[in-house]
Amino acid sequence: MEVLKVSSKSNPNSCAGAMAGVIRQTGAVEVQVVGAGALNQAIKAIAIARGYLAPSGVDLICVPAFKDIEIDGEGRTAIRLLIEDRERRLPTTLDMRDSLPVAALTRTPA
């Protein structure tokens, strides 16, 4: 699964665009943050991404969890945000040889 790292200096609109793009392609994205400022930017980005994806019928949900990581040889606790479509629909691709969409098996539901 694609992992996007968000910092306190990240632009929420840019992050939202990246999140929306990955979700359109794979159906889910993992966002990793360390610190309150980074979490703030990530939450703003998720709210913006919901707006980007809502017109196409995608309703995003966010599942938070803690994750132990290492930064510069030092152990830290990050927050992992799993962002996915509420309906857990698999992304579809359009096969130009046919007139019907074919389900893409790019990920397995969690």
C-alpha atoms as a PDB file:
ATOM      1  CA  MET A   1       0.000   0.000   0.000  1.00  0.00           C
ATOM      2  CA  GLU A   2       1.208   3.483  -0.833  1.00  0.00           C
ATOM      3  CA  VAL A   3       2.486   5.403   2.222  1.00  0.00           C
ATOM      4  CA  LEU A   4       2.359   9.203   2.188  1.00  0.00           C
ATOM      5  CA  LYS A   5       4.338  11.015   4.866  1.00  0.00           C
ATOM      6  CA  VAL A   6       2.893  14.338   5.986  1.00  0.00           C
ATOM      7  CA  SER A   7       4.833  16.918   7.998  1.00  0.00           C
ATOM      8  CA  SER A   8       3.770  20.054   9.829  1.00  0.00           C
ATOM      9  CA  LYS A   9       5.016  22.056   6.818  1.00  0.00           C
ATOM     10  CA  SER A  10       3.070  20.042   4.227  1.00  0.00           C
ATOM     11  CA  ASN A  11       0.518  21.876   2.098  1.00  0.00           C
ATOM     12  CA  PRO A  12      -2.924  20.327   2.824  1.00  0.00           C
ATOM     13  CA  ASN A  13      -4.176  20.946  -0.741  1.00  0.00           C
ATOM     14  CA  SER A  14      -1.169  19.180  -2.248  1.00  0.00           C
ATOM     15  CA  CYS A  15      -1.510  16.287   0.196  1.00  0.00           C
ATOM     16  CA  ALA A  16      -5.222  16.022  -0.595  1.00  0.00           C
ATOM     17  CA  GLY A  17      -4.487  15.797  -4.311  1.00  0.00           C
ATOM     18  CA  ALA A  18      -1.918  13.057  -3.719  1.00  0.00           C
ATOM     19  CA  MET A  19      -4.320  11.153  -1.445  1.00  0.00           C
ATOM     20  CA  ALA A  20      -7.173  11.421  -3.940  1.00  0.00           C
ATOM     21  CA  GLY A  21      -4.947  10.219  -6.772  1.00  0.00           C
ATOM     22  CA  VAL A  22      -3.746   7.156  -4.884  1.00  0.00           C
ATOM     23  CA  ILE A  23      -7.280   6.330  -3.709  1.00  0.00           C
ATOM     24  CA  ARG A  24      -8.598   6.572  -7.271  1.00  0.00           C
ATOM     25  CA  GLN A  25      -5.864   4.176  -8.432  1.00  0.00           C
ATOM     26  CA  THR A  26      -5.732   1.665  -5.582  1.00  0.00           C
ATOM     27  CA  GLY A  27      -8.755   2.293  -3.353  1.00  0.00           C
ATOM     28  CA  ALA A  28      -6.755   3.151  -0.224  1.00  0.00           C
ATOM     29  CA  VAL A  29      -3.746   5.068   1.046  1.00  0.00           C
ATOM     30  CA  GLU A  30      -1.767   5.060   4.288  1.00  0.00           C
ATOM     31  CA  VAL A  31      -0.728   8.416   5.731  1.00  0.00           C
ATOM     32  CA  GLN A  32       2.050   8.539   8.319  1.00  0.00           C
ATOM     33  CA  VAL A  33       2.594  11.495  10.662  1.00  0.00           C
ATOM     34  CA  VAL A  34       4.772  12.325  13.662  1.00  0.00           C
ATOM     35  CA  GLY A  35       3.655  15.162  15.901  1.00  0.00           C
ATOM     36  CA  ALA A  36       0.617  17.330  16.426  1.00  0.00           C
ATOM     37  CA  GLY A  37       1.400  19.777  13.599  1.00  0.00           C
ATOM     38  CA  ALA A  38       1.767  16.986  11.072  1.00  0.00           C
ATOM     39  CA  LEU A  39      -1.461  15.368  12.256  1.00  0.00           C
ATOM     40  CA  ASN A  40      -3.237  18.714  11.888  1.00  0.00           C
ATOM     41  CA  GLN A  41      -2.098  19.070   8.264  1.00  0.00           C
ATOM     42  CA  ALA A  42      -3.036  15.459   7.483  1.00  0.00           C
ATOM     43  CA  ILE A  43      -6.555  15.836   8.898  1.00  0.00           C
ATOM     44  CA  LYS A  44      -7.086  19.002   6.859  1.00  0.00           C
ATOM     45  CA  ALA A  45      -5.871  17.142   3.760  1.00  0.00           C
ATOM     46  CA  ILE A  46      -8.280  14.258   4.397  1.00  0.00           C
ATOM     47  CA  ALA A  47     -11.196  16.688   4.664  1.00  0.00           C
ATOM     48  CA  ILE A  48     -10.160  18.330   1.384  1.00  0.00           C
ATOM     49  CA  ALA A  49      -9.681  14.935  -0.328  1.00  0.00           C
ATOM     50  CA  ARG A  50     -13.200  13.930   0.717  1.00  0.00           C
ATOM     51  CA  GLY A  51     -14.437  16.956  -1.212  1.00  0.00           C
ATOM     52  CA  TYR A  52     -12.383  15.984  -4.264  1.00  0.00           C
ATOM     53  CA  LEU A  53     -13.716  12.407  -4.284  1.00  0.00           C
ATOM     54  CA  ALA A  54     -17.340  12.901  -3.188  1.00  0.00           C
ATOM     55  CA  PRO A  55     -18.644  13.892  -6.665  1.00  0.00           C
ATOM     56  CA  SER A  56     -17.487  10.509  -8.008  1.00  0.00           C
ATOM     57  CA  GLY A  57     -19.355   8.656  -5.246  1.00  0.00           C
ATOM     58  CA  VAL A  58     -16.358   7.883  -3.024  1.00  0.00           C
ATOM     59  CA  ASP A  59     -17.011   8.419   0.704  1.00  0.00           C
ATOM     60  CA  LEU A  60     -13.725   8.394   2.608  1.00  0.00           C
ATOM     61  CA  ILE A  61     -13.198   6.992   6.073  1.00  0.00           C
ATOM     62  CA  CYS A  62     -10.101   7.251   8.251  1.00  0.00           C
ATOM     63  CA  VAL A  63      -8.843   4.523  10.588  1.00  0.00           C
ATOM     64  CA  PRO A  64      -6.086   5.763  12.949  1.00  0.00           C
ATOM     65  CA  ALA A  65      -3.479   3.585  14.657  1.00  0.00           C
ATOM     66  CA  PHE A  66      -0.090   3.970  16.352  1.00  0.00           C
ATOM     67  CA  LYS A  67       3.066   2.717  14.663  1.00  0.00           C
ATOM     68  CA  ASP A  68       6.597   2.445  16.050  1.00  0.00           C
ATOM     69  CA  ILE A  69       9.129   3.830  13.579  1.00  0.00           C
ATOM     70  CA  GLU A  70      12.789   4.805  13.530  1.00  0.00           C
ATOM     71  CA  ILE A  71      13.999   8.257  12.478  1.00  0.00           C
ATOM     72  CA  ASP A  72      17.773   8.907  12.414  1.00  0.00           C
ATOM     73  CA  GLY A  73      18.371   5.851  14.593  1.00  0.00           C
ATOM     74  CA  GLU A  74      15.888   7.051  17.206  1.00  0.00           C
ATOM     75  CA  GLY A  75      12.668   5.227  18.049  1.00  0.00           C
ATOM     76  CA  ARG A  76       9.529   7.346  17.595  1.00  0.00           C
ATOM     77  CA  THR A  77       5.800   6.758  17.676  1.00  0.00           C
ATOM     78  CA  ALA A  78       3.970   7.767  14.534  1.00  0.00           C
ATOM     79  CA  ILE A  79       0.276   7.873  13.830  1.00  0.00           C
ATOM     80  CA  ARG A  80      -0.834   5.789  10.868  1.00  0.00           C
ATOM     81  CA  LEU A  81      -4.021   6.906   9.142  1.00  0.00           C
ATOM     82  CA  LEU A  82      -5.579   4.366   6.794  1.00  0.00           C
ATOM     83  CA  ILE A  83      -7.774   6.260   4.341  1.00  0.00           C
ATOM     84  CA  GLU A  84     -10.166   4.257   2.185  1.00  0.00           C
ATOM     85  CA  ASP A  85     -13.562   4.250   0.541  1.00  0.00           C
ATOM     86  CA  ARG A  86     -16.319   3.496   3.064  1.00  0.00           C
ATOM     87  CA  GLU A  87     -17.798   0.901   0.684  1.00  0.00           C
ATOM     88  CA  ARG A  88     -14.386  -0.741   0.127  1.00  0.00           C
ATOM     89  CA  ARG A  89     -15.030  -0.894  -3.579  1.00  0.00           C
ATOM     90  CA  LEU A  90     -12.132  -2.083  -5.658  1.00  0.00           C
ATOM     91  CA  PRO A  91     -10.987   0.432  -8.264  1.00  0.00           C
ATOM     92  CA  THR A  92     -12.168  -0.243 -11.788  1.00  0.00           C
ATOM     93  CA  THR A  93     -10.277   0.104 -15.022  1.00  0.00           C
ATOM     94  CA  LEU A  94     -11.804   0.581 -18.394  1.00  0.00           C
ATOM     95  CA  ASP A  95     -10.793  -2.063 -20.923  1.00  0.00           C
ATOM     96  CA  MET A  96     -10.911  -0.259 -24.252  1.00  0.00           C
ATOM     97  CA  ARG A  97     -11.351  -3.590 -26.085  1.00  0.00           C
ATOM     98  CA  ASP A  98     -14.768  -3.993 -24.466  1.00  0.00           C
ATOM     99  CA  SER A  99     -17.517  -1.589 -23.608  1.00  0.00           C
ATOM    100  CA  LEU A 100     -17.855  -2.887 -20.015  1.00  0.00           C
ATOM    101  CA  PRO A 101     -15.570  -1.912 -17.091  1.00  0.00           C
ATOM    102  CA  VAL A 102     -13.420  -4.676 -15.667  1.00  0.00           C
ATOM    103  CA  ALA A 103     -12.672  -4.760 -11.923  1.00  0.00           C
ATOM    104  CA  ALA A 104      -8.975  -4.224 -11.282  1.00  0.00           C
ATOM    105  CA  LEU A 105      -7.533  -6.576  -8.711  1.00  0.00           C
ATOM    106  CA  THR A 106      -4.945  -4.106  -7.449  1.00  0.00           C
ATOM    107  CA  ARG A 107      -5.552  -4.637  -3.727  1.00  0.00           C
ATOM    108  CA  THR A 108      -7.311  -6.978  -1.375  1.00  0.00           C
ATOM    109  CA  PRO A 109      -9.818  -5.558   1.114  1.00  0.00           C
ATOM    110  CA  ALA A 110      -8.427  -5.227   4.623  1.00  0.00           C
END
